[in-house]
Protein backbone atom coordinates (compact mmCIF):
# COMPACT_ATOMS: atom_id res chain seq x y z
CA MET A 1 28.46 20.66 -27.35
CA ASP A 2 28.60 22.36 -23.95
CA GLN A 3 30.72 20.42 -21.47
CA ASP A 4 28.06 20.72 -18.76
CA GLN A 5 25.00 19.89 -20.85
CA LEU A 6 24.19 17.89 -23.93
CA SER A 7 22.53 19.48 -26.94
CA ASP A 8 22.10 17.70 -30.23
CA HIS A 9 19.76 17.10 -33.16
CA VAL A 10 17.92 13.77 -33.20
CA LEU A 11 15.14 12.09 -35.13
CA ILE A 12 11.71 12.07 -33.43
CA ASN A 13 8.86 10.56 -35.45
CA GLY A 14 10.87 10.99 -38.63
CA THR A 15 11.63 14.68 -38.01
CA VAL A 16 15.00 16.13 -37.03
CA VAL A 17 14.55 18.25 -33.87
CA PRO A 18 16.96 19.81 -31.34
CA VAL A 19 17.11 18.11 -27.93
CA THR A 20 18.90 19.34 -24.81
CA LEU A 21 19.73 17.61 -21.52
CA THR A 22 20.36 20.39 -19.00
CA THR A 23 22.71 20.18 -16.04
CA ASP A 24 19.75 20.12 -13.63
CA GLY A 25 18.25 17.08 -15.29
CA LYS A 26 15.64 18.45 -17.69
CA LEU A 27 15.23 16.98 -21.15
CA LEU A 28 13.88 19.62 -23.57
CA TRP A 29 12.76 19.28 -27.16
CA ALA A 30 10.15 20.64 -29.56
CA ASP A 31 7.96 18.62 -31.92
CA GLY A 32 5.05 21.04 -32.26
CA LEU A 33 5.03 21.36 -28.49
CA LEU A 34 7.82 22.48 -26.24
CA ARG A 35 8.29 19.47 -24.01
CA ILE A 36 10.13 19.40 -20.71
CA LEU A 37 10.75 16.02 -19.11
CA ASN A 38 12.20 15.99 -15.60
CA LEU A 39 14.60 13.08 -15.11
CA GLU A 40 14.40 13.01 -11.32
CA LYS A 41 10.64 13.12 -11.04
CA GLU A 42 9.39 11.44 -14.22
CA VAL A 43 12.04 9.24 -15.83
CA LEU A 44 12.31 5.66 -14.62
CA GLY A 45 15.07 4.51 -16.96
CA PHE A 46 15.99 4.07 -20.60
CA ALA A 47 16.87 1.32 -23.06
CA VAL A 48 18.71 1.12 -26.36
CA ASP A 49 16.66 -0.36 -29.18
CA GLY A 50 18.90 -0.63 -32.24
CA ASN A 51 19.84 2.93 -33.18
CA LYS A 52 17.05 4.39 -31.02
CA ILE A 53 16.90 5.37 -27.35
CA LYS A 54 13.65 4.63 -25.52
CA ILE A 55 13.13 6.74 -22.38
CA ARG A 56 10.70 5.11 -19.96
CA ALA A 57 8.72 7.61 -17.92
CA VAL A 58 5.66 8.08 -15.73
CA ILE A 59 3.50 11.10 -16.41
CA GLU A 60 0.60 12.58 -14.52
CA LYS A 61 -2.68 12.13 -16.34
CA GLU A 62 -5.29 14.86 -16.48
CA ASP A 63 -8.30 14.78 -18.83
CA GLY A 64 -6.38 12.69 -21.32
CA ILE A 65 -3.56 15.28 -21.57
CA PHE A 66 -0.14 14.58 -20.12
CA CYS A 67 0.85 17.48 -17.93
CA GLY A 68 2.29 18.28 -14.53
CA GLY A 69 -0.12 20.96 -13.40
CA SER A 70 -1.67 18.74 -10.75
CA ILE A 71 -0.67 15.65 -8.84
CA GLY A 72 -2.75 12.56 -9.47
CA ASP A 73 -2.84 9.31 -11.35
CA LEU A 74 0.33 8.19 -13.06
CA VAL A 75 0.59 6.50 -16.45
CA ARG A 76 3.59 4.93 -18.15
CA LYS A 77 4.78 6.57 -21.36
CA ASP A 78 7.78 5.95 -23.61
CA PHE A 79 9.62 8.77 -25.39
CA VAL A 80 11.69 7.51 -28.35
CA PHE A 81 14.35 9.39 -30.26
CA GLN A 82 17.12 8.41 -32.66
CA PRO A 83 20.57 10.05 -32.51
CA LEU A 84 22.09 10.76 -35.91
CA SER A 85 25.35 8.85 -35.25
CA GLN A 86 26.71 6.04 -33.11
CA GLU A 87 28.94 8.49 -31.24
CA SER A 88 25.94 10.68 -30.48
CA GLN A 89 23.98 7.65 -29.23
CA ARG A 90 26.90 6.61 -27.01
CA LEU A 91 27.16 10.09 -25.53
CA TRP A 92 23.41 10.34 -24.88
CA CYS A 93 23.43 6.99 -23.07
CA GLN A 94 26.45 8.02 -21.03
CA LYS A 95 24.94 11.34 -19.93
CA LEU A 96 21.54 9.83 -19.13
CA ARG A 97 23.13 7.02 -17.11
CA GLU A 98 25.43 9.39 -15.22
CA TYR A 99 22.56 11.65 -14.22
CA LEU A 100 20.22 8.83 -13.15
CA ASP A 101 23.02 7.15 -11.17
CA SER A 102 23.75 10.44 -9.39
CA LEU A 103 20.23 10.41 -7.88
CA GLY A 104 21.11 7.55 -5.51
CA ARG A 105 18.18 5.40 -6.52
CA PRO A 106 17.87 1.80 -5.28
CA LYS A 107 19.14 -0.86 -7.66
CA ARG A 108 18.30 -4.02 -5.67
CA LEU A 109 15.17 -4.53 -3.56
CA PHE A 110 13.87 -7.32 -1.36
CA ILE A 111 10.08 -7.45 -1.64
CA PHE A 112 7.65 -9.06 0.77
CA MET A 113 4.19 -9.71 -0.65
CA ASN A 114 1.29 -10.70 1.56
CA PRO A 115 -1.13 -12.64 -0.67
CA PHE A 116 -3.70 -12.90 2.15
CA GLY A 117 -4.07 -9.22 3.03
CA GLY A 118 -7.08 -7.03 2.22
CA ASN A 119 -9.07 -8.45 -0.69
CA LYS A 120 -6.21 -10.85 -1.50
CA ASN A 121 -5.24 -8.72 -4.49
CA ALA A 122 -1.54 -8.31 -3.66
CA SER A 123 -0.37 -10.69 -6.41
CA LYS A 124 -2.41 -8.85 -9.05
CA ILE A 125 -1.26 -5.46 -7.75
CA PHE A 126 2.35 -6.58 -7.93
CA LEU A 127 2.09 -8.01 -11.44
CA ASP A 128 0.00 -5.18 -12.90
CA SER A 129 1.34 -2.08 -11.14
CA VAL A 130 4.63 -2.78 -9.41
CA LYS A 131 6.69 -5.18 -11.50
CA PRO A 132 6.42 -3.25 -14.81
CA LEU A 133 7.62 -0.03 -13.17
CA LEU A 134 10.54 -1.76 -11.44
CA GLU A 135 11.55 -3.33 -14.74
CA ASP A 136 11.35 0.04 -16.48
CA ALA A 137 13.69 1.40 -13.82
CA ASP A 138 16.14 -1.54 -14.23
CA ILE A 139 15.70 -2.46 -10.56
CA GLN A 140 16.53 -6.04 -9.64
CA PHE A 141 14.32 -7.57 -6.97
CA THR A 142 13.85 -10.68 -4.90
CA LEU A 143 10.17 -11.49 -4.26
CA GLU A 144 9.12 -13.40 -1.14
CA GLU A 145 5.51 -14.29 -0.34
CA THR A 146 4.59 -14.30 3.33
CA THR A 147 2.99 -17.59 4.36
CA ARG A 148 2.08 -16.94 7.99
CA GLN A 149 2.06 -14.35 10.73
CA LEU A 150 5.58 -13.15 11.68
CA TYR A 151 7.03 -14.69 8.50
CA ALA A 152 8.45 -11.35 7.36
CA LYS A 153 9.94 -10.74 10.80
CA ASP A 154 11.72 -14.11 10.81
CA VAL A 155 13.11 -13.65 7.30
CA THR A 156 14.29 -10.11 8.06
CA LYS A 157 16.15 -11.26 11.17
CA ARG A 158 18.39 -13.62 9.20
CA MET A 159 18.64 -12.12 5.69
CA ASP A 160 21.86 -10.72 4.22
CA LEU A 161 21.06 -7.02 4.09
CA SER A 162 24.22 -6.18 2.16
CA LYS A 163 22.60 -7.58 -0.99
CA TYR A 164 19.84 -4.97 -1.05
CA ASP A 165 19.25 -1.22 -1.13
CA GLY A 166 15.84 -1.46 0.51
CA ILE A 167 13.02 -3.68 1.73
CA VAL A 168 9.54 -3.20 0.26
CA CYS A 169 6.23 -4.50 1.61
CA VAL A 170 3.39 -5.10 -0.87
CA SER A 171 0.84 -5.40 1.88
CA GLY A 172 -0.95 -3.51 4.61
CA ASP A 173 0.76 -2.07 7.67
CA GLY A 174 1.26 -5.37 9.49
CA VAL A 175 4.12 -6.64 7.32
CA LEU A 176 5.97 -3.32 7.68
CA ALA A 177 5.72 -3.66 11.47
CA GLU A 178 7.10 -7.20 11.22
CA VAL A 179 10.06 -5.99 9.16
CA VAL A 180 10.87 -3.25 11.68
CA ASN A 181 10.72 -5.77 14.53
CA GLY A 182 12.95 -8.15 12.59
CA LEU A 183 15.54 -5.44 11.95
CA LEU A 184 15.59 -4.36 15.60
CA GLU A 185 16.00 -7.91 16.90
CA ARG A 186 19.17 -8.49 14.89
CA GLU A 187 22.60 -8.40 16.53
CA ASP A 188 23.52 -5.62 14.10
CA TRP A 189 20.28 -3.73 14.74
CA SER A 190 21.85 -0.27 14.91
CA ALA A 191 23.06 -0.60 11.30
CA ALA A 192 20.16 -2.76 10.09
CA ILE A 193 17.46 -0.26 11.07
CA LYS A 194 18.98 2.23 8.62
CA MET A 195 17.82 0.04 5.72
CA PRO A 196 15.25 2.09 3.73
CA LEU A 197 11.74 0.63 3.87
CA GLY A 198 8.93 1.02 1.37
CA VAL A 199 5.23 0.18 1.41
CA ILE A 200 2.89 -0.43 -1.53
CA PRO A 201 -0.83 -0.49 -0.59
CA ALA A 202 -2.25 -4.01 -0.82
CA GLY A 203 -3.92 -4.59 2.55
CA THR A 204 -6.94 -3.66 4.63
CA GLY A 205 -5.06 -0.96 6.52
CA ASN A 206 -2.68 1.16 4.46
CA GLY A 207 -2.11 3.94 6.96
CA MET A 208 1.64 4.38 6.50
CA VAL A 209 1.66 4.66 2.71
CA LYS A 210 -1.48 6.83 2.81
CA SER A 211 0.30 9.18 5.23
CA LEU A 212 3.35 9.36 2.96
CA LEU A 213 1.51 9.96 -0.31
CA ASP A 214 -1.08 12.29 1.18
CA SER A 215 1.72 14.50 2.51
CA VAL A 216 2.42 15.56 -1.10
CA GLY A 217 -1.17 15.36 -2.32
CA GLU A 218 -0.83 12.09 -4.22
CA PRO A 219 -3.47 9.35 -4.23
CA CYS A 220 -2.87 6.19 -2.23
CA LYS A 221 -2.31 3.92 -5.21
CA ALA A 222 0.27 1.27 -6.00
CA PRO A 223 1.84 3.09 -8.99
CA ASN A 224 2.40 6.27 -6.96
CA ALA A 225 3.90 4.31 -4.08
CA THR A 226 6.13 2.32 -6.44
CA VAL A 227 7.42 5.42 -8.19
CA ALA A 228 8.21 7.00 -4.80
CA ILE A 229 10.39 3.99 -4.01
CA ILE A 230 12.09 4.09 -7.42
CA ARG A 231 12.96 7.78 -7.00
CA GLY A 232 14.85 6.85 -3.84
CA HIS A 233 14.01 9.87 -1.70
CA LYS A 234 13.94 9.11 2.03
CA CYS A 235 12.59 10.43 5.31
CA SER A 236 13.07 9.48 8.95
CA LEU A 237 10.43 7.71 11.02
CA ASP A 238 9.98 7.53 14.79
CA VAL A 239 9.83 4.05 16.29
CA ALA A 240 8.02 3.35 19.57
CA THR A 241 9.07 0.52 21.87
CA ILE A 242 6.40 -1.20 23.94
CA LEU A 243 7.80 -2.70 27.14
CA GLN A 244 6.25 -5.23 29.49
CA GLY A 245 8.63 -7.01 31.80
CA GLU A 246 11.44 -8.31 29.60
CA THR A 247 9.22 -8.38 26.49
CA LYS A 248 9.54 -5.73 23.79
CA PHE A 249 7.57 -4.95 20.67
CA TYR A 250 8.26 -2.13 18.21
CA ILE A 251 5.54 -0.12 16.48
CA VAL A 252 5.61 2.46 13.70
CA LEU A 253 1.92 3.20 13.14
CA MET A 254 -0.34 3.01 16.17
CA LEU A 255 -1.48 1.35 19.39
CA ALA A 256 -5.17 1.06 20.26
CA TRP A 257 -7.23 -0.15 23.19
CA GLY A 258 -11.00 0.02 23.42
CA LEU A 259 -13.31 0.84 20.53
CA VAL A 260 -10.71 1.15 17.75
CA ALA A 261 -8.92 -2.05 18.76
CA ASP A 262 -12.20 -3.94 19.05
CA ILE A 263 -13.24 -2.82 15.55
CA ASP A 264 -9.86 -3.59 14.02
CA ILE A 265 -9.45 -7.06 15.51
CA GLU A 266 -12.98 -8.39 16.04
CA SER A 267 -13.98 -7.44 12.48
CA GLU A 268 -11.55 -10.13 11.29
CA LYS A 269 -14.53 -12.51 11.32
CA TYR A 270 -15.88 -10.46 8.38
CA ARG A 271 -12.61 -10.40 6.40
CA TRP A 272 -14.50 -11.68 3.34
CA MET A 273 -16.01 -8.19 3.11
CA GLY A 274 -12.61 -6.60 2.46
CA SER A 275 -12.07 -3.08 3.82
CA ALA A 276 -15.85 -2.64 4.15
CA ARG A 277 -15.70 -4.89 7.21
CA LEU A 278 -14.33 -2.00 9.29
CA ALA A 279 -17.26 0.34 8.61
CA PHE A 280 -19.76 -2.48 9.06
CA TYR A 281 -18.36 -3.57 12.40
CA ALA A 282 -17.80 0.00 13.60
CA LEU A 283 -21.56 0.51 13.42
CA GLN A 284 -22.17 -2.68 15.39
CA ARG A 285 -19.67 -1.78 18.09
CA THR A 286 -21.05 1.76 18.43
CA LEU A 287 -24.62 0.56 18.85
CA HIS A 288 -23.47 -2.01 21.43
CA LEU A 289 -20.96 0.28 23.10
CA ARG A 290 -18.39 -0.88 25.60
CA GLN A 291 -16.43 1.13 28.13
CA TYR A 292 -13.32 -0.08 29.91
CA ASN A 293 -11.95 0.72 33.33
CA GLY A 294 -8.30 1.69 33.37
CA ARG A 295 -5.75 4.46 33.55
CA VAL A 296 -3.26 6.18 31.25
CA SER A 297 -0.17 8.09 32.34
CA PHE A 298 2.00 10.18 30.05
CA VAL A 299 4.68 12.82 29.74
CA PRO A 300 3.02 15.62 27.73
CA ALA A 301 4.77 17.44 24.91
CA PRO A 302 5.24 21.20 25.35
CA GLY A 303 1.89 22.94 25.18
CA PHE A 304 -0.10 19.97 26.50
CA GLU A 305 0.84 20.18 30.19
CA ASP A 306 -2.72 20.97 31.29
CA TYR A 307 -4.12 17.56 30.30
CA GLY A 308 -4.71 15.11 33.16
CA VAL A 309 -3.55 15.53 36.73
CA PRO A 310 0.01 15.38 38.08
CA THR A 311 1.26 11.95 39.09
CA SER A 312 4.50 10.19 39.92
CA TYR A 313 6.20 7.79 37.54
CA SER A 314 4.71 4.33 37.95
CA GLY A 315 6.48 2.36 35.24
CA GLU A 316 8.58 -0.75 35.60
CA SER A 317 12.25 -0.79 36.45
CA ILE A 318 13.78 -2.56 33.46
CA ASN A 319 17.43 -2.86 32.56
CA GLY A 320 18.50 -3.21 28.95
CA MET A 321 18.78 -1.21 25.80
CA ASN A 322 15.68 0.56 24.54
CA VAL A 323 16.05 -1.00 21.12
CA GLY A 324 17.66 -4.05 19.63
CA SER A 325 19.18 -7.14 21.20
CA SER A 326 22.56 -5.79 22.21
CA SER A 327 24.08 -7.65 25.12
CA GLN A 328 25.41 -4.37 26.54
CA GLU A 329 23.14 -3.32 29.40
CA GLN A 330 22.47 0.09 30.86
CA PRO A 331 19.70 1.60 32.95
CA ILE A 332 16.86 3.11 30.99
CA LYS A 333 17.46 6.86 30.86
CA ALA A 334 14.94 9.64 30.68
CA ARG A 335 16.23 10.53 27.21
CA GLN A 336 14.71 7.27 25.99
CA TYR A 337 11.32 8.77 26.79
CA GLY A 338 11.89 11.67 24.42
CA TYR A 339 13.79 13.84 26.92
CA GLN A 340 16.69 15.63 25.19
CA GLY A 341 18.54 17.21 28.14
CA PRO A 342 20.99 15.79 30.69
CA ASP A 343 20.16 12.47 32.30
CA VAL A 344 17.47 12.85 34.95
CA SER A 345 15.21 10.40 36.73
CA LEU A 346 11.95 9.45 35.08
CA GLU A 347 10.09 10.95 38.02
CA ASP A 348 11.31 14.41 36.98
CA LEU A 349 9.71 14.33 33.55
CA GLY A 350 6.34 15.72 34.66
CA TRP A 351 4.07 12.69 34.42
CA ARG A 352 0.32 13.19 34.34
CA THR A 353 -2.60 10.74 34.61
CA ILE A 354 -6.13 10.42 33.25
CA ASN A 355 -8.42 7.82 34.81
CA GLY A 356 -11.14 5.89 32.98
CA PRO A 357 -13.50 4.52 32.16
CA PHE A 358 -12.59 4.90 28.47
CA ILE A 359 -14.43 4.22 25.24
CA SER A 360 -11.19 4.45 23.27
CA VAL A 361 -7.47 5.02 23.80
CA TRP A 362 -5.57 5.52 20.56
CA LEU A 363 -1.89 6.38 20.07
CA HIS A 364 -0.71 7.39 16.61
CA ASN A 365 2.72 7.88 15.06
CA VAL A 366 1.57 9.13 11.61
CA PRO A 367 -1.57 10.99 10.49
CA TRP A 368 -3.56 8.23 8.75
CA GLY A 369 -4.69 5.01 10.39
CA GLY A 370 -6.06 3.70 7.09
CA GLU A 371 -6.92 5.05 3.67
CA ASP A 372 -10.19 6.52 5.00
CA THR A 373 -9.17 7.35 8.58
CA LEU A 374 -7.29 10.57 9.34
CA ALA A 375 -6.76 9.57 12.94
CA ALA A 376 -4.17 12.15 14.02
CA PRO A 377 -4.05 15.16 11.67
CA ASP A 378 -1.16 16.79 13.55
CA ALA A 379 1.09 13.72 13.70
CA LYS A 380 4.58 14.00 12.19
CA PHE A 381 6.87 11.23 10.96
CA SER A 382 9.84 12.12 13.14
CA ASP A 383 8.92 14.68 15.80
CA GLY A 384 9.66 12.35 18.71
CA TYR A 385 6.04 12.35 19.93
CA LEU A 386 3.02 10.09 19.76
CA ASP A 387 -0.40 11.67 19.19
CA LEU A 388 -2.90 10.50 21.82
CA ILE A 389 -6.63 10.46 21.04
CA LEU A 390 -8.86 9.74 24.04
CA ILE A 391 -12.64 9.25 24.25
CA ARG A 392 -13.88 8.73 27.79
CA ASP A 393 -17.62 9.20 27.51
CA CYS A 394 -19.81 10.00 24.53
CA PRO A 395 -23.50 9.50 23.68
CA LYS A 396 -24.02 6.96 20.92
CA LEU A 397 -25.46 9.40 18.39
CA ASP A 398 -22.58 11.80 18.94
CA LEU A 399 -20.15 8.92 18.66
CA LEU A 400 -21.64 7.88 15.32
CA LYS A 401 -21.28 11.46 14.07
CA LEU A 402 -17.76 11.61 15.42
CA MET A 403 -16.76 8.43 13.62
CA THR A 404 -18.08 9.71 10.28
CA GLN A 405 -15.72 12.68 10.70
CA MET A 406 -12.63 10.48 10.97
CA SER A 407 -12.23 10.54 7.20
CA ASN A 408 -11.18 14.20 7.36
CA GLY A 409 -9.85 14.48 10.93
CA GLY A 410 -12.89 16.40 12.14
CA HIS A 411 -13.34 14.09 15.12
CA ILE A 412 -10.53 15.79 17.05
CA ARG A 413 -12.66 18.94 17.36
CA SER A 414 -15.40 17.09 19.24
CA LYS A 415 -15.91 18.07 22.87
CA TYR A 416 -15.86 14.37 23.68
CA VAL A 417 -12.31 13.89 22.33
CA GLN A 418 -9.04 14.76 24.03
CA TYR A 419 -6.20 15.14 21.53
CA LEU A 420 -2.63 15.74 22.67
CA LYS A 421 1.00 14.85 22.01
CA VAL A 422 3.01 12.78 24.47
CA LYS A 423 6.69 11.90 24.92
CA ALA A 424 6.09 8.75 26.95
CA PHE A 425 3.07 6.65 27.85
CA ILE A 426 1.88 4.00 30.31
CA LEU A 427 -1.35 2.04 29.76
CA GLU A 428 -3.06 0.19 32.61
CA PRO A 429 -6.00 -1.62 30.95
CA GLY A 430 -8.97 -2.88 32.96
CA THR A 431 -12.27 -4.70 32.66
CA CYS A 432 -15.50 -3.79 30.86
CA THR A 433 -17.64 -1.54 33.00
CA HIS A 434 -20.81 -3.52 32.25
CA ASP A 435 -19.21 -6.93 32.83
CA PRO A 436 -16.16 -7.23 35.12
CA THR A 437 -15.53 -10.78 33.86
CA LYS A 438 -14.60 -9.45 30.41
CA GLU A 439 -11.57 -7.47 29.37
CA GLY A 440 -10.37 -5.87 26.13
CA ILE A 441 -7.88 -6.17 23.28
CA ILE A 442 -4.65 -4.22 22.79
CA ASP A 443 -3.89 -3.71 19.11
CA ALA A 444 -0.45 -2.63 17.85
CA ASP A 445 0.02 -1.86 14.16
CA GLY A 446 -2.97 -4.01 13.26
CA GLU A 447 -1.75 -7.05 15.20
CA VAL A 448 -3.05 -8.33 18.52
CA LEU A 449 -0.55 -7.50 21.24
CA ALA A 450 -2.70 -8.75 24.14
CA ARG A 451 -6.15 -10.31 24.60
CA GLY A 452 -8.00 -10.05 27.88
CA LYS A 453 -10.50 -12.49 29.35
CA GLY A 454 -13.64 -13.09 27.32
CA THR A 455 -12.34 -11.38 24.16
CA TYR A 456 -12.52 -12.58 20.57
CA LEU A 457 -10.18 -15.61 20.19
CA CYS A 458 -8.96 -15.07 23.75
CA HIS A 459 -7.58 -18.63 23.84
CA GLN A 460 -4.88 -17.69 21.33
CA LYS A 461 -1.42 -16.92 22.66
CA THR A 462 -0.23 -13.32 22.42
CA LEU A 463 3.13 -11.63 22.81
CA MET A 464 2.13 -9.73 25.95
CA ALA A 465 -0.30 -10.08 28.82
CA TYR A 466 -3.37 -7.89 29.21
CA ASP A 467 -1.65 -5.79 31.83
CA LYS A 468 0.32 -2.61 32.35
CA LEU A 469 2.68 -1.66 29.54
CA GLN A 470 4.85 1.35 28.84
CA ILE A 471 6.02 3.01 25.65
CA THR A 472 9.32 4.73 24.89
CA MET A 473 10.17 6.71 21.75
CA ASP A 474 13.21 6.73 19.49
CA GLN A 475 13.05 9.79 17.26
CA GLY A 476 13.83 9.22 13.58
CA LEU A 477 15.19 5.72 14.18
CA ALA A 478 13.89 4.10 10.97
CA THR A 479 14.08 5.23 7.33
CA LEU A 480 11.29 5.22 4.75
CA PHE A 481 11.28 5.68 1.01
CA SER A 482 9.20 8.84 0.64
CA PRO A 483 7.51 10.70 -2.23
CA TYR A 484 9.21 14.02 -1.47
CA PHE A 485 10.90 15.71 -4.40
CA ASN A 486 11.62 19.25 -5.58
CA MET A 487 8.02 20.43 -5.75
CA ASP A 488 8.71 23.42 -8.00
CA ILE A 489 9.94 21.16 -10.80
CA ASN A 490 6.96 20.12 -12.88
CA HIS A 491 6.58 18.47 -16.26
CA ARG A 492 4.78 20.78 -18.61
CA GLU A 493 3.95 21.17 -22.28
CA ILE A 494 3.61 24.62 -23.85
CA PHE A 495 2.10 25.23 -27.26
CA LEU A 496 4.52 27.07 -29.50
CA GLU A 497 3.33 30.22 -31.21
């Protein structure tokens, strides 16, 4: 046997066939077909069953044939072979284990499950799609059901992170945002925020996991998301800090004010409809359109300097670290607004302003706001910018057309939409133009950040006031489990001549 690869004859379905495990992690054998199984991409784990070895894998399904020619639905499949001696079996197990361990996959996960999100299917999704795959991969996990708002945040703030290789949210985007806030409010936040985070779609809004899976052409489904976590590949994620006085809130997906926030939050009264509530209420809100007085100020990214008019910095003077709860204090520096050069005053960053009234103000950190909403097609996970989508004035019929184009990102080409990237942002929200006694809602990662006068459930307490707030960016601060892998390695089956 070659020292760097393992080649041997084994029994497969009663027939002795040659099998090779290559140094780059391909398992090759022929049983009428030449089969190539990629350990990194397709193999979850293996188990010894008597004198047999059972390799547990996920394979892409296409027209009933297992192949890797396209990316799509995944199905579990076991490949079983029997070495011809105990020594051969021992060596196969050793080589398989060494290669899988070299991939740096997670072995212990803490899992939050939100049983109340979306259509309340999280428990079924976990039992049917997530748990079997984790067990195939020999991953130990601790499962915690969320029982209330901010439950995941509170647990994350006090949990012993050393016991786990990652935190996974079987939920929508809200629980992920809670976990990020919990990590950043810890005393050890600078180390804690490096904990890899995963999301499995089980909520109304699944924008983060949709953005991740869509980036490699995979469907937004629980098995695909679970396998991405098992593989252990990671990517960086920008985190935005919302500041108002001494209050901070961290977001990873989006902030909305106006139409999008109203749809997201006010449609809660129709939660029994599931995800259909968003489309239903979007139609209502468009037909009974609101506009809000207000102003936005921003530092544009390179190439977007012509948007708005020049203005001076009008943010708050706040002392303290941009992230975390460190007791060490320092003045906020311009670099915390995405500026990468020497320290300069915030006034020197080239602020610009756009005045309302606005139909919608929408900031996005990743491309998808939900499974059917490609809000910011040009957004990147860790470019240090937020994508800003503004609608100031738009006839209702054009707005309806525009909203139907959000499923493919076509709305950004409308003449009624301004789409740009910003390094820093200040929102000064105002009243409804048609009724000065009523204000709006500010929505951050699907949660209500602030409720103005006369809004839906305005009596409920919120983290911030309906007033000026500012946003800073920390590029690549958080870490996500991602579906990226070596794209030129595909499972394939070739008929032998």
